[in-house]
N, C-alpha and C. Protein backbone atom coordinates (compact mmCIF):
# COMPACT_ATOMS: atom_id res chain seq x y z
N LYS A 1 -108.07 -22.86 -60.06
CA LYS A 1 -108.31 -21.88 -58.96
C LYS A 1 -108.48 -22.62 -57.61
N SER A 2 -109.16 -23.77 -57.64
CA SER A 2 -109.42 -24.48 -56.41
C SER A 2 -108.08 -24.96 -55.73
N LEU A 3 -107.10 -25.28 -56.55
CA LEU A 3 -105.81 -25.64 -55.95
C LEU A 3 -105.19 -24.51 -55.19
N PHE A 4 -105.23 -23.28 -55.84
CA PHE A 4 -104.71 -22.10 -55.18
C PHE A 4 -105.52 -21.79 -53.96
N ASP A 5 -106.81 -21.88 -54.01
CA ASP A 5 -107.68 -21.62 -52.83
C ASP A 5 -107.34 -22.53 -51.72
N SER A 6 -107.05 -23.80 -51.97
CA SER A 6 -106.67 -24.75 -50.92
C SER A 6 -105.41 -24.38 -50.28
N TYR A 7 -104.39 -24.05 -51.11
CA TYR A 7 -103.07 -23.61 -50.56
C TYR A 7 -103.21 -22.43 -49.70
N LEU A 8 -103.93 -21.41 -50.17
CA LEU A 8 -104.05 -20.14 -49.44
C LEU A 8 -104.87 -20.28 -48.19
N ALA A 9 -105.71 -21.27 -48.10
CA ALA A 9 -106.46 -21.57 -46.89
C ALA A 9 -105.69 -22.49 -45.96
N GLY A 10 -104.50 -22.93 -46.42
CA GLY A 10 -103.70 -23.78 -45.58
C GLY A 10 -104.05 -25.23 -45.68
N CYS A 11 -104.86 -25.60 -46.65
CA CYS A 11 -105.35 -26.98 -46.78
C CYS A 11 -104.46 -27.75 -47.75
N ILE A 12 -104.41 -29.08 -47.53
CA ILE A 12 -103.67 -29.95 -48.46
C ILE A 12 -104.61 -30.46 -49.55
N PRO A 13 -104.44 -30.01 -50.76
CA PRO A 13 -105.41 -30.45 -51.82
C PRO A 13 -105.25 -31.94 -52.16
N VAL A 14 -106.36 -32.52 -52.50
CA VAL A 14 -106.39 -33.94 -52.99
C VAL A 14 -106.66 -33.86 -54.47
N ILE A 15 -105.81 -34.39 -55.28
CA ILE A 15 -105.89 -34.32 -56.74
C ILE A 15 -106.28 -35.71 -57.26
N PHE A 16 -107.22 -35.69 -58.15
CA PHE A 16 -107.72 -36.93 -58.76
C PHE A 16 -107.26 -37.15 -60.19
N SER A 17 -106.78 -36.05 -60.84
CA SER A 17 -106.34 -36.15 -62.21
C SER A 17 -105.13 -35.28 -62.42
N LYS A 18 -104.03 -35.80 -62.85
CA LYS A 18 -102.84 -34.97 -63.14
C LYS A 18 -103.04 -34.06 -64.33
N LEU A 19 -104.00 -34.39 -65.17
CA LEU A 19 -104.29 -33.52 -66.29
C LEU A 19 -104.76 -32.10 -65.82
N SER A 20 -105.42 -32.10 -64.66
CA SER A 20 -105.88 -30.75 -64.19
C SER A 20 -104.78 -29.91 -63.67
N LEU A 21 -103.52 -30.43 -63.54
CA LEU A 21 -102.42 -29.64 -63.02
C LEU A 21 -101.68 -28.79 -64.07
N HIS A 22 -101.96 -29.03 -65.39
CA HIS A 22 -101.21 -28.34 -66.39
C HIS A 22 -101.37 -26.85 -66.30
N MET A 23 -102.56 -26.34 -65.93
CA MET A 23 -102.81 -24.91 -65.81
C MET A 23 -102.03 -24.22 -64.69
N TYR A 24 -101.45 -25.02 -63.80
CA TYR A 24 -100.70 -24.45 -62.65
C TYR A 24 -99.21 -24.42 -62.91
N GLU A 25 -98.69 -24.94 -64.00
CA GLU A 25 -97.26 -25.08 -64.27
C GLU A 25 -96.55 -23.70 -64.30
N TRP A 26 -97.23 -22.68 -64.62
CA TRP A 26 -96.60 -21.34 -64.62
C TRP A 26 -96.28 -20.85 -63.19
N HIS A 27 -97.01 -21.39 -62.20
CA HIS A 27 -96.86 -20.92 -60.83
C HIS A 27 -96.11 -21.87 -59.90
N LEU A 28 -96.29 -23.13 -60.13
CA LEU A 28 -95.65 -24.14 -59.25
C LEU A 28 -94.98 -25.23 -60.07
N SER A 29 -93.85 -25.72 -59.61
CA SER A 29 -93.19 -26.81 -60.31
C SER A 29 -93.92 -28.12 -60.02
N GLU A 30 -93.62 -29.13 -60.76
CA GLU A 30 -94.18 -30.47 -60.54
C GLU A 30 -93.79 -30.96 -59.18
N ALA A 31 -92.55 -30.70 -58.79
CA ALA A 31 -92.05 -31.13 -57.48
C ALA A 31 -92.77 -30.40 -56.34
N GLU A 32 -93.06 -29.11 -56.53
CA GLU A 32 -93.80 -28.43 -55.51
C GLU A 32 -95.21 -28.95 -55.29
N ILE A 33 -95.84 -29.23 -56.39
CA ILE A 33 -97.21 -29.76 -56.39
C ILE A 33 -97.19 -31.15 -55.70
N ALA A 34 -96.20 -31.95 -56.03
CA ALA A 34 -96.14 -33.32 -55.42
C ALA A 34 -95.87 -33.21 -53.95
N ALA A 35 -95.09 -32.21 -53.49
CA ALA A 35 -94.74 -32.10 -52.09
C ALA A 35 -95.82 -31.48 -51.27
N THR A 36 -96.86 -30.91 -51.92
CA THR A 36 -97.90 -30.16 -51.15
C THR A 36 -99.24 -30.73 -51.43
N SER A 37 -99.44 -31.82 -52.02
CA SER A 37 -100.75 -32.43 -52.32
C SER A 37 -100.75 -33.92 -52.24
N ILE A 38 -101.90 -34.47 -52.23
CA ILE A 38 -102.11 -35.90 -52.28
C ILE A 38 -102.78 -36.26 -53.55
N PHE A 39 -102.21 -37.19 -54.29
CA PHE A 39 -102.77 -37.69 -55.57
C PHE A 39 -103.39 -39.07 -55.40
N ILE A 40 -104.63 -39.15 -55.76
CA ILE A 40 -105.38 -40.45 -55.80
C ILE A 40 -105.95 -40.51 -57.19
N SER A 41 -105.57 -41.60 -57.93
CA SER A 41 -106.07 -41.73 -59.31
C SER A 41 -107.59 -41.86 -59.35
N ARG A 42 -108.16 -41.02 -60.22
CA ARG A 42 -109.63 -41.05 -60.44
C ARG A 42 -110.00 -42.41 -60.94
N HIS A 43 -109.19 -43.04 -61.80
CA HIS A 43 -109.51 -44.32 -62.38
C HIS A 43 -109.61 -45.39 -61.32
N GLN A 44 -108.73 -45.31 -60.33
CA GLN A 44 -108.78 -46.29 -59.20
C GLN A 44 -109.96 -46.15 -58.34
N ILE A 45 -110.46 -44.88 -58.21
CA ILE A 45 -111.70 -44.67 -57.46
C ILE A 45 -112.90 -45.12 -58.23
N VAL A 46 -112.97 -44.81 -59.52
CA VAL A 46 -114.08 -45.22 -60.35
C VAL A 46 -114.20 -46.72 -60.44
N SER A 47 -113.06 -47.35 -60.63
CA SER A 47 -113.03 -48.86 -60.68
C SER A 47 -113.15 -49.52 -59.34
N LYS A 48 -113.22 -48.72 -58.29
CA LYS A 48 -113.41 -49.18 -56.90
C LYS A 48 -112.19 -50.02 -56.42
N LYS A 49 -111.08 -49.69 -56.97
CA LYS A 49 -109.84 -50.32 -56.51
C LYS A 49 -109.36 -49.71 -55.20
N VAL A 50 -109.69 -48.49 -54.99
CA VAL A 50 -109.35 -47.80 -53.76
C VAL A 50 -110.50 -47.00 -53.30
N ARG A 51 -110.58 -46.71 -52.01
CA ARG A 51 -111.60 -45.84 -51.37
C ARG A 51 -110.83 -44.60 -50.89
N PHE A 52 -111.16 -43.48 -51.46
CA PHE A 52 -110.32 -42.31 -51.20
C PHE A 52 -110.23 -41.94 -49.75
N MET A 53 -111.29 -42.13 -48.97
CA MET A 53 -111.23 -41.83 -47.57
C MET A 53 -110.29 -42.70 -46.80
N GLU A 54 -110.14 -43.96 -47.26
CA GLU A 54 -109.22 -44.89 -46.62
C GLU A 54 -107.77 -44.47 -46.93
N VAL A 55 -107.58 -43.99 -48.19
CA VAL A 55 -106.27 -43.54 -48.58
C VAL A 55 -105.86 -42.32 -47.70
N LEU A 56 -106.79 -41.43 -47.53
CA LEU A 56 -106.53 -40.22 -46.71
C LEU A 56 -106.30 -40.54 -45.29
N GLN A 57 -107.00 -41.49 -44.75
CA GLN A 57 -106.87 -41.83 -43.40
C GLN A 57 -105.46 -42.49 -43.07
N ARG A 58 -104.87 -43.06 -44.16
CA ARG A 58 -103.55 -43.72 -44.01
C ARG A 58 -102.40 -42.71 -44.07
N VAL A 59 -102.66 -41.48 -44.42
CA VAL A 59 -101.57 -40.48 -44.47
C VAL A 59 -101.12 -40.17 -43.03
N SER A 60 -99.84 -40.33 -42.78
CA SER A 60 -99.32 -40.16 -41.42
C SER A 60 -99.32 -38.68 -41.00
N VAL A 61 -99.35 -38.49 -39.68
CA VAL A 61 -99.25 -37.18 -39.16
C VAL A 61 -97.95 -36.48 -39.60
N GLN A 62 -96.90 -37.22 -39.67
CA GLN A 62 -95.56 -36.61 -40.06
C GLN A 62 -95.68 -36.13 -41.56
N ASP A 63 -96.36 -36.96 -42.43
CA ASP A 63 -96.45 -36.58 -43.80
C ASP A 63 -97.34 -35.29 -43.90
N ILE A 64 -98.39 -35.25 -43.15
CA ILE A 64 -99.28 -34.07 -43.18
C ILE A 64 -98.53 -32.83 -42.74
N GLU A 65 -97.76 -32.96 -41.69
CA GLU A 65 -96.95 -31.82 -41.22
C GLU A 65 -95.91 -31.41 -42.24
N LYS A 66 -95.25 -32.37 -42.93
CA LYS A 66 -94.26 -32.07 -43.95
C LYS A 66 -94.96 -31.32 -45.12
N MET A 67 -96.17 -31.73 -45.53
CA MET A 67 -96.88 -31.07 -46.61
C MET A 67 -97.35 -29.68 -46.16
N GLN A 68 -97.73 -29.52 -44.91
CA GLN A 68 -98.12 -28.20 -44.42
C GLN A 68 -96.94 -27.21 -44.44
N ARG A 69 -95.75 -27.70 -44.09
CA ARG A 69 -94.54 -26.87 -44.19
C ARG A 69 -94.24 -26.51 -45.59
N ALA A 70 -94.42 -27.46 -46.48
CA ALA A 70 -94.12 -27.19 -47.92
C ALA A 70 -95.15 -26.16 -48.48
N ILE A 71 -96.41 -26.24 -48.02
CA ILE A 71 -97.40 -25.30 -48.45
C ILE A 71 -97.03 -23.89 -47.98
N GLU A 72 -96.54 -23.83 -46.79
CA GLU A 72 -96.08 -22.48 -46.26
C GLU A 72 -95.07 -21.86 -47.11
N GLN A 73 -94.20 -22.68 -47.79
CA GLN A 73 -93.11 -22.21 -48.60
C GLN A 73 -93.63 -21.76 -49.97
N VAL A 74 -94.70 -22.36 -50.47
CA VAL A 74 -95.17 -22.00 -51.81
C VAL A 74 -96.41 -21.10 -51.88
N ALA A 75 -97.10 -21.01 -50.79
CA ALA A 75 -98.41 -20.27 -50.80
C ALA A 75 -98.24 -18.82 -51.19
N PHE A 76 -97.16 -18.19 -50.72
CA PHE A 76 -96.95 -16.77 -50.97
C PHE A 76 -96.85 -16.49 -52.48
N LYS A 77 -96.35 -17.43 -53.25
CA LYS A 77 -96.27 -17.24 -54.67
C LYS A 77 -97.67 -17.06 -55.35
N LEU A 78 -98.66 -17.55 -54.68
CA LEU A 78 -99.97 -17.61 -55.28
C LEU A 78 -100.86 -16.41 -54.85
N GLN A 79 -100.39 -15.62 -53.93
CA GLN A 79 -101.19 -14.43 -53.65
C GLN A 79 -100.46 -13.21 -54.08
N TYR A 80 -101.18 -12.19 -54.42
CA TYR A 80 -100.54 -10.98 -54.96
C TYR A 80 -100.73 -9.77 -54.01
N SER A 81 -101.29 -9.96 -52.85
CA SER A 81 -101.51 -8.85 -51.99
C SER A 81 -100.32 -8.57 -51.04
N VAL A 82 -99.69 -9.62 -50.49
CA VAL A 82 -98.60 -9.39 -49.54
C VAL A 82 -97.40 -10.37 -49.93
N VAL A 83 -96.23 -9.81 -49.99
CA VAL A 83 -95.07 -10.61 -50.27
C VAL A 83 -94.22 -10.62 -49.05
N PRO A 84 -93.79 -11.80 -48.55
CA PRO A 84 -92.94 -11.82 -47.35
C PRO A 84 -91.69 -11.05 -47.53
N GLU A 85 -91.15 -10.37 -46.54
CA GLU A 85 -90.03 -9.53 -46.60
C GLU A 85 -88.84 -10.14 -47.35
N PRO A 86 -88.43 -11.36 -47.01
CA PRO A 86 -87.20 -11.91 -47.71
C PRO A 86 -87.36 -12.01 -49.22
N PHE A 87 -88.60 -12.01 -49.72
CA PHE A 87 -88.84 -12.26 -51.12
C PHE A 87 -89.17 -10.97 -51.87
N ARG A 88 -89.19 -9.85 -51.21
CA ARG A 88 -89.45 -8.60 -51.93
C ARG A 88 -88.30 -8.20 -52.76
N GLU A 89 -88.55 -7.58 -53.85
CA GLU A 89 -87.47 -7.15 -54.73
C GLU A 89 -86.86 -5.81 -54.28
N SER A 90 -87.65 -5.09 -53.53
CA SER A 90 -87.26 -3.75 -53.08
C SER A 90 -87.49 -3.62 -51.54
N SER A 91 -86.72 -2.77 -50.97
CA SER A 91 -86.88 -2.55 -49.54
C SER A 91 -87.95 -1.52 -49.28
N GLY A 92 -88.53 -0.97 -50.29
CA GLY A 92 -89.53 0.06 -50.09
C GLY A 92 -88.97 1.48 -50.25
N ASP A 93 -87.67 1.65 -50.22
CA ASP A 93 -87.08 2.95 -50.31
C ASP A 93 -87.44 3.69 -51.61
N ASP A 94 -87.49 2.93 -52.72
CA ASP A 94 -87.80 3.57 -53.97
C ASP A 94 -89.26 4.03 -54.01
N VAL A 95 -90.17 3.31 -53.28
CA VAL A 95 -91.53 3.77 -53.18
C VAL A 95 -91.63 5.07 -52.40
N LYS A 96 -90.90 5.10 -51.30
CA LYS A 96 -90.87 6.36 -50.44
C LYS A 96 -90.28 7.50 -51.25
N ALA A 97 -89.27 7.24 -52.02
CA ALA A 97 -88.69 8.28 -52.87
C ALA A 97 -89.64 8.78 -53.90
N MET A 98 -90.41 7.92 -54.52
CA MET A 98 -91.35 8.33 -55.55
C MET A 98 -92.49 9.16 -54.95
N THR A 99 -92.96 8.74 -53.80
CA THR A 99 -94.07 9.52 -53.18
C THR A 99 -93.56 10.81 -52.57
N ALA A 100 -92.31 10.88 -52.30
CA ALA A 100 -91.73 12.18 -51.78
C ALA A 100 -91.37 13.17 -52.88
N GLY A 101 -91.49 12.68 -54.12
CA GLY A 101 -91.15 13.54 -55.22
C GLY A 101 -89.69 13.58 -55.61
N GLU A 102 -88.95 12.65 -55.15
CA GLU A 102 -87.47 12.61 -55.45
C GLU A 102 -87.25 11.94 -56.78
C-alpha cells in the first residue's frame, strides 16, 4: 500500500527490499517499478556500506524528472476513482443510454 500511496502522491518511492515488491506484480511490471523508484539494498545500509541519504543526494535532477514522468504514466493504474480519457473503455454513451432507459 505504501508504494501505491507514494505514486498517487507524486513521490518517488525508495525501496529497500525487492521481496516487498512481489505483492505489486499484478498492478505494475518489474520495468515500471524500476523506472519509477529508487532501490537501495537494505543489506548495504545495515552493513554500513552505504548511507541512504548520500545515495539519494546523488540522484540527478534529470533522473528525478524522468522518474516523475514515468510515475505520471503508471499512477492512473493504481487509482480506481478517475480514469484518464484515453484509457477509458467506453466513451460514456452506454452509461447515458442505460440511465435514459434505452
